[in-house]
Amino acid sequence: MNVFLIILVVLAALVLLSCFVTVQQGYIAVTTIFGKYNRVLFPGLNFKIPVVEKVFKRVSIQNRSVELEFQAITIDQANVYFKAMLLYAVWNQDEETIKNVSFKFMDERSFMQALVRTIEGSIRGFVATKRQAEVLGLRKDITEHVKEQIDKTLEEWGFHLLDLQMNDITFDEVIMKSMAQVVASNNLKAAAENEGQALLITKTKAAEADGNAIKIAAEAERQAAQLRGMGVALFREEVAKGMSMAAKEMQQANLDTSVILFSMWTEAIKHFAENSKGNVIFLDGSSEGMDHTMKQMMGMNKIMDSNKK
């Protein structure tokens, strides 16, 4: 009798314990009664009908990620290799959404296969309309195209695509080498153009500098010549003034003005002798030569006097 009572107590305790189920944070549990959907259990301690109500599936409501690697072909028959990261999550915690997540697919493996193939098909269909040279610049366009194409499908499955990142886009080795050669040749072309422009600028600036230097030198020479001419003119003017004053003084002293010319002549000969630096100057030192010179100077004096009158 006591043994039977103990068995009843144990059974009752087991039944009582089976009435409670714990759901972890970040998950939602789906229960069934006799194989049919019953309700959703939220995180924490939940009560369920013992024996008949069973936890069918625990659904994660956290974000999930998966890495994809696949190949596509462009319209110009170039093989493109993609490596992508897919981020998705359960759409919301509504009952209908949770039912779709729980019962649309037989298991998680079937869902992942359908999800990956759907995304691959969408990307391949998009890439098939593009050329090889366009693909590398279409990361954002590919992502937007995929989200637009499969968001509605995922919503029917109870999921939502959060993000799709194209981490790597590559081509066949031969194509990669040819692309590298194109980039290298473009860089060489740009470098040559820049070098030519730099050389042109250098030559132009040098020519401008030479032209400015010539202009400055010509202007300086012009100013120097002008100053030299002014100096000569002033010198002649002062000489004329000095000779005029000396002539007036000679006339006031009743002296012959030809003496001035004779004095200038002798001073000139003295200057030649002092500054000749070895040069030979031939002068007629005879009395006849002196007389001839004096007559010439007196004749010049008479001409000057007649011009004044």
Protein backbone atom coordinates (compact mmCIF):
# COMPACT_ATOMS: atom_id res chain seq x y z
CA MET A 1 0.00 0.00 0.00
CA ASN A 2 2.77 2.39 0.93
CA VAL A 3 4.66 1.53 -2.25
CA PHE A 4 1.60 2.25 -4.37
CA LEU A 5 1.16 5.61 -2.63
CA ILE A 6 4.75 6.50 -3.25
CA ILE A 7 4.35 5.66 -6.92
CA LEU A 8 1.27 7.87 -7.15
CA VAL A 9 3.08 10.74 -5.47
CA VAL A 10 6.04 10.39 -7.83
CA LEU A 11 3.76 10.28 -10.86
CA ALA A 12 1.85 13.31 -9.62
CA ALA A 13 5.12 15.18 -9.10
CA LEU A 14 6.29 14.29 -12.61
CA VAL A 15 2.97 15.41 -14.08
CA LEU A 16 3.16 18.64 -12.11
CA LEU A 17 6.72 19.28 -13.27
CA SER A 18 5.74 18.60 -16.87
CA CYS A 19 3.16 21.37 -16.60
CA PHE A 20 5.96 23.95 -16.58
CA VAL A 21 8.38 24.76 -19.36
CA THR A 22 11.17 27.34 -19.48
CA VAL A 23 11.91 29.33 -22.65
CA GLN A 24 15.30 31.05 -22.87
CA GLN A 25 15.67 34.72 -23.68
CA GLY A 26 15.96 35.25 -27.43
CA TYR A 27 13.76 32.26 -28.25
CA ILE A 28 10.05 31.53 -28.68
CA ALA A 29 8.57 28.05 -28.22
CA VAL A 30 5.76 26.65 -30.38
CA THR A 31 3.45 24.02 -28.82
CA THR A 32 1.12 21.49 -30.42
CA ILE A 33 -1.73 19.34 -29.16
CA PHE A 34 -2.03 16.00 -30.90
CA GLY A 35 0.26 17.30 -33.66
CA LYS A 36 -1.72 20.48 -34.34
CA TYR A 37 -0.48 23.99 -33.67
CA ASN A 38 -1.70 25.29 -30.34
CA ARG A 39 0.06 28.47 -29.18
CA VAL A 40 3.34 30.38 -28.69
CA LEU A 41 5.31 30.41 -25.45
CA PHE A 42 7.41 33.51 -24.74
CA PRO A 43 10.69 33.68 -22.80
CA GLY A 44 10.46 32.77 -19.13
CA LEU A 45 8.48 30.18 -17.16
CA ASN A 46 5.32 29.03 -18.94
CA PHE A 47 2.49 26.63 -17.99
CA LYS A 48 1.34 23.98 -20.46
CA ILE A 49 -1.18 21.21 -20.43
CA PRO A 50 0.61 18.09 -19.25
CA VAL A 51 0.95 15.03 -21.45
CA VAL A 52 -1.13 16.33 -24.39
CA GLU A 53 0.58 19.68 -25.05
CA LYS A 54 4.09 19.33 -26.37
CA VAL A 55 6.81 21.81 -27.31
CA PHE A 56 7.15 21.32 -31.04
CA LYS A 57 9.94 23.77 -31.82
CA ARG A 58 12.01 26.55 -30.30
CA VAL A 59 12.44 29.47 -32.70
CA SER A 60 15.29 31.96 -32.31
CA ILE A 61 14.23 35.58 -32.69
CA GLN A 62 17.84 36.80 -32.71
CA ASN A 63 19.70 37.99 -35.78
CA ARG A 64 21.29 35.20 -37.80
CA SER A 65 24.15 35.29 -40.29
CA VAL A 66 25.42 32.97 -42.98
CA GLU A 67 28.34 33.15 -45.41
CA LEU A 68 27.74 32.46 -49.08
CA GLU A 69 30.15 31.53 -51.88
CA PHE A 70 28.87 31.14 -55.41
CA GLN A 71 29.61 31.87 -59.06
CA ALA A 72 27.80 33.95 -61.69
CA ILE A 73 28.36 34.66 -65.39
CA THR A 74 28.16 38.11 -66.96
CA ILE A 75 26.56 38.94 -70.29
CA ASP A 76 30.01 38.88 -71.92
CA GLN A 77 30.66 35.35 -70.57
CA ALA A 78 33.05 36.25 -67.73
CA ASN A 79 33.00 34.13 -64.58
CA VAL A 80 32.45 36.15 -61.40
CA TYR A 81 33.05 34.67 -57.95
CA PHE A 82 31.18 36.11 -54.97
CA LYS A 83 31.75 35.86 -51.25
CA ALA A 84 28.90 37.38 -49.30
CA MET A 85 27.60 37.67 -45.75
CA LEU A 86 23.86 37.40 -45.23
CA LEU A 87 22.18 38.82 -42.12
CA TYR A 88 18.53 37.98 -41.47
CA ALA A 89 16.05 37.55 -38.62
CA VAL A 90 12.47 36.54 -37.82
CA TRP A 91 10.15 39.25 -39.14
CA ASN A 92 8.28 39.79 -35.86
CA GLN A 93 6.74 37.88 -32.96
CA ASP A 94 3.20 37.76 -34.32
CA GLU A 95 1.48 34.41 -34.19
CA GLU A 96 1.15 34.05 -37.96
CA THR A 97 4.82 34.87 -38.45
CA ILE A 98 5.91 32.32 -35.88
CA LYS A 99 3.65 29.70 -37.48
CA ASN A 100 5.30 30.34 -40.88
CA VAL A 101 8.77 30.06 -39.38
CA SER A 102 7.86 26.83 -37.62
CA PHE A 103 5.89 24.97 -40.27
CA LYS A 104 6.96 26.27 -43.73
CA PHE A 105 10.02 24.02 -43.85
CA MET A 106 10.65 20.52 -42.65
CA ASP A 107 13.84 21.49 -40.81
CA GLU A 108 16.50 24.22 -40.54
CA ARG A 109 18.65 22.61 -43.25
CA SER A 110 15.83 22.81 -45.79
CA PHE A 111 15.20 26.46 -44.96
CA MET A 112 18.88 27.39 -45.33
CA GLN A 113 19.10 25.59 -48.66
CA ALA A 114 16.06 27.44 -49.98
CA LEU A 115 17.33 30.78 -48.67
CA VAL A 116 20.82 30.43 -50.15
CA ARG A 117 19.57 29.20 -53.53
CA THR A 118 17.03 32.01 -53.73
CA ILE A 119 19.67 34.66 -53.09
CA GLU A 120 22.13 33.04 -55.50
CA GLY A 121 19.48 32.93 -58.21
CA SER A 122 18.61 36.59 -57.70
CA ILE A 123 22.26 37.67 -57.90
CA ARG A 124 22.99 35.48 -60.90
CA GLY A 125 19.98 36.87 -62.74
CA PHE A 126 21.17 40.42 -62.05
CA VAL A 127 24.81 39.77 -63.01
CA ALA A 128 23.75 38.04 -66.23
CA THR A 129 22.52 41.42 -67.53
CA LYS A 130 25.78 43.25 -66.77
CA ARG A 131 29.20 43.31 -68.36
CA GLN A 132 32.43 42.30 -66.69
CA ALA A 133 33.70 45.88 -66.37
CA GLU A 134 30.49 46.97 -64.61
CA VAL A 135 30.30 44.31 -61.91
CA LEU A 136 32.96 45.68 -59.53
CA GLY A 137 31.12 48.98 -59.19
CA LEU A 138 27.71 47.40 -58.55
CA ARG A 139 28.03 46.15 -54.97
CA LYS A 140 25.33 48.47 -53.69
CA ASP A 141 23.10 47.87 -56.70
CA ILE A 142 23.38 44.09 -56.27
CA THR A 143 22.42 44.34 -52.60
CA GLU A 144 19.42 46.56 -53.32
CA HIS A 145 18.31 44.27 -56.16
CA VAL A 146 18.48 41.17 -53.95
CA LYS A 147 16.58 42.80 -51.09
CA GLU A 148 13.91 44.00 -53.49
CA GLN A 149 13.55 40.56 -55.08
CA ILE A 150 13.48 38.29 -52.03
CA ASP A 151 12.05 40.46 -49.22
CA LYS A 152 8.51 39.46 -50.13
CA THR A 153 9.44 35.77 -50.35
CA LEU A 154 11.20 35.87 -47.00
CA GLU A 155 8.24 37.63 -45.45
CA GLU A 156 6.04 34.72 -46.52
CA TRP A 157 8.49 32.44 -44.76
CA GLY A 158 8.40 34.63 -41.65
CA PHE A 159 11.86 36.18 -42.07
CA HIS A 160 13.32 39.54 -43.05
CA LEU A 161 16.62 40.24 -44.85
CA LEU A 162 18.55 42.77 -42.75
CA ASP A 163 21.75 43.11 -44.75
CA LEU A 164 23.69 41.54 -47.59
CA GLN A 165 27.39 42.41 -47.84
CA MET A 166 29.49 41.58 -50.88
CA ASN A 167 32.83 41.00 -49.17
CA ASP A 168 34.73 39.80 -52.22
CA ILE A 169 34.16 39.86 -55.99
CA THR A 170 36.79 38.18 -58.14
CA PHE A 171 37.22 36.89 -61.69
CA ASP A 172 39.23 34.16 -63.36
CA GLU A 173 43.00 34.51 -63.06
CA VAL A 174 43.43 35.43 -66.72
CA ILE A 175 40.86 38.21 -66.42
CA MET A 176 42.42 39.48 -63.20
CA LYS A 177 45.83 39.72 -64.92
CA SER A 178 44.36 41.55 -67.90
CA MET A 179 42.53 43.96 -65.59
CA ALA A 180 45.77 44.60 -63.71
CA GLN A 181 47.54 45.29 -67.01
CA VAL A 182 44.81 47.74 -68.03
CA VAL A 183 45.12 49.56 -64.71
CA ALA A 184 48.93 49.63 -65.01
CA SER A 185 48.79 50.98 -68.57
CA ASN A 186 46.27 53.65 -67.54
CA ASN A 187 48.53 54.65 -64.66
CA LEU A 188 51.53 54.86 -67.01
CA LYS A 189 49.50 56.94 -69.44
CA ALA A 190 48.39 59.29 -66.66
CA ALA A 191 51.97 59.53 -65.38
CA ALA A 192 53.26 60.36 -68.88
CA GLU A 193 50.58 63.01 -69.35
CA ASN A 194 51.37 64.54 -65.96
CA GLU A 195 55.10 64.48 -66.72
CA GLY A 196 54.50 66.13 -70.10
CA GLN A 197 52.35 68.82 -68.52
CA ALA A 198 54.98 69.41 -65.83
CA LEU A 199 57.71 69.68 -68.48
CA LEU A 200 55.57 72.07 -70.52
CA ILE A 201 54.97 74.25 -67.47
CA THR A 202 58.71 74.22 -66.64
CA LYS A 203 59.66 75.16 -70.20
CA THR A 204 57.01 77.88 -70.31
CA LYS A 205 58.09 79.36 -66.99
CA ALA A 206 61.76 79.25 -68.06
CA ALA A 207 60.91 81.00 -71.35
CA GLU A 208 58.90 83.61 -69.47
CA ALA A 209 61.81 84.12 -67.06
CA ASP A 210 64.28 84.50 -69.96
CA GLY A 211 61.97 86.95 -71.70
CA ASN A 212 61.55 88.99 -68.53
CA ALA A 213 65.32 88.96 -67.98
CA ILE A 214 65.89 90.22 -71.54
CA LYS A 215 63.27 92.91 -71.05
CA ILE A 216 64.84 93.98 -67.76
CA ALA A 217 68.35 94.00 -69.27
CA ALA A 218 67.15 96.00 -72.30
CA GLU A 219 65.38 98.49 -70.06
CA ALA A 220 68.51 98.83 -67.89
CA GLU A 221 70.70 99.32 -70.98
CA ARG A 222 68.28 101.91 -72.33
CA GLN A 223 68.32 103.80 -69.05
CA ALA A 224 72.14 103.52 -68.85
CA ALA A 225 72.51 104.81 -72.41
CA GLN A 226 70.13 107.63 -71.64
CA LEU A 227 72.09 108.51 -68.52
CA ARG A 228 75.38 108.33 -70.44
CA GLY A 229 73.97 110.63 -73.12
CA MET A 230 72.73 113.03 -70.47
CA GLY A 231 76.16 112.92 -68.83
CA VAL A 232 77.94 113.69 -72.10
CA ALA A 233 75.49 116.50 -72.84
CA LEU A 234 75.97 117.98 -69.37
CA PHE A 235 79.73 117.65 -69.73
CA ARG A 236 79.68 119.49 -73.05
CA GLU A 237 77.39 122.12 -71.61
CA GLU A 238 79.70 122.69 -68.67
CA VAL A 239 82.72 122.80 -70.98
CA ALA A 240 80.99 125.38 -73.15
CA LYS A 241 80.04 127.44 -70.12
CA GLY A 242 83.62 127.27 -68.82
CA MET A 243 85.09 128.29 -72.17
CA SER A 244 82.57 131.14 -72.50
CA MET A 245 83.40 132.48 -69.06
CA ALA A 246 87.15 132.12 -69.70
CA ALA A 247 86.81 133.97 -73.02
CA LYS A 248 84.93 136.82 -71.35
CA GLU A 249 87.61 137.13 -68.69
CA MET A 250 90.36 137.12 -71.36
CA GLN A 251 88.56 139.86 -73.29
CA GLN A 252 88.14 141.92 -70.14
CA ALA A 253 91.89 141.56 -69.51
CA ASN A 254 92.64 142.56 -73.17
CA LEU A 255 94.23 139.18 -73.83
CA ASP A 256 94.00 137.06 -76.94
CA THR A 257 91.40 134.29 -76.44
CA SER A 258 93.49 131.91 -78.52
CA VAL A 259 95.59 131.39 -75.42
CA ILE A 260 92.65 129.40 -74.03
CA LEU A 261 92.74 127.07 -76.99
CA PHE A 262 96.50 126.71 -76.67
CA SER A 263 96.16 125.91 -72.98
CA MET A 264 93.48 123.28 -73.70
CA TRP A 265 95.71 121.84 -76.38
CA THR A 266 98.70 121.49 -74.04
CA GLU A 267 96.52 120.03 -71.28
CA ALA A 268 95.15 117.49 -73.74
CA ILE A 269 98.70 116.49 -74.74
CA LYS A 270 99.61 116.18 -71.04
CA HIS A 271 96.51 113.98 -70.44
CA PHE A 272 97.43 111.77 -73.41
CA ALA A 273 100.94 111.34 -72.04
CA GLU A 274 99.82 110.51 -68.50
CA ASN A 275 97.07 108.03 -69.47
CA SER A 276 98.36 106.49 -72.66
CA LYS A 277 99.57 103.33 -70.85
CA GLY A 278 102.32 102.58 -73.34
CA ASN A 279 100.53 103.77 -76.45
CA VAL A 280 102.63 105.84 -78.86
CA ILE A 281 101.32 109.30 -79.81
CA PHE A 282 103.15 111.23 -82.55
CA LEU A 283 103.07 115.05 -82.28
CA ASP A 284 104.82 117.62 -84.40
CA GLY A 285 107.05 119.43 -81.85
CA SER A 286 108.79 121.71 -84.33
CA SER A 287 108.34 125.47 -84.36
CA GLU A 288 106.64 125.24 -87.73
CA GLY A 289 104.20 122.69 -86.34
CA MET A 290 103.48 124.89 -83.33
CA ASP A 291 102.98 127.90 -85.60
CA HIS A 292 100.64 125.88 -87.81
CA THR A 293 98.65 124.73 -84.79
CA MET A 294 98.34 128.26 -83.41
CA LYS A 295 97.08 129.53 -86.76
CA GLN A 296 94.43 126.83 -86.85
CA MET A 297 93.32 127.66 -83.32
CA MET A 298 93.19 131.38 -84.11
CA GLY A 299 91.19 130.65 -87.21
CA MET A 300 88.68 128.64 -85.16
CA ASN A 301 88.51 131.50 -82.69
CA LYS A 302 87.69 133.97 -85.45
CA ILE A 303 84.98 131.67 -86.77
CA MET A 304 83.44 131.44 -83.29
CA ASP A 305 83.54 135.23 -82.91
CA SER A 306 81.91 135.77 -86.29
CA ASN A 307 79.16 133.26 -85.39
CA LYS A 308 78.46 135.17 -82.22
CA LYS A 309 78.04 138.43 -84.14
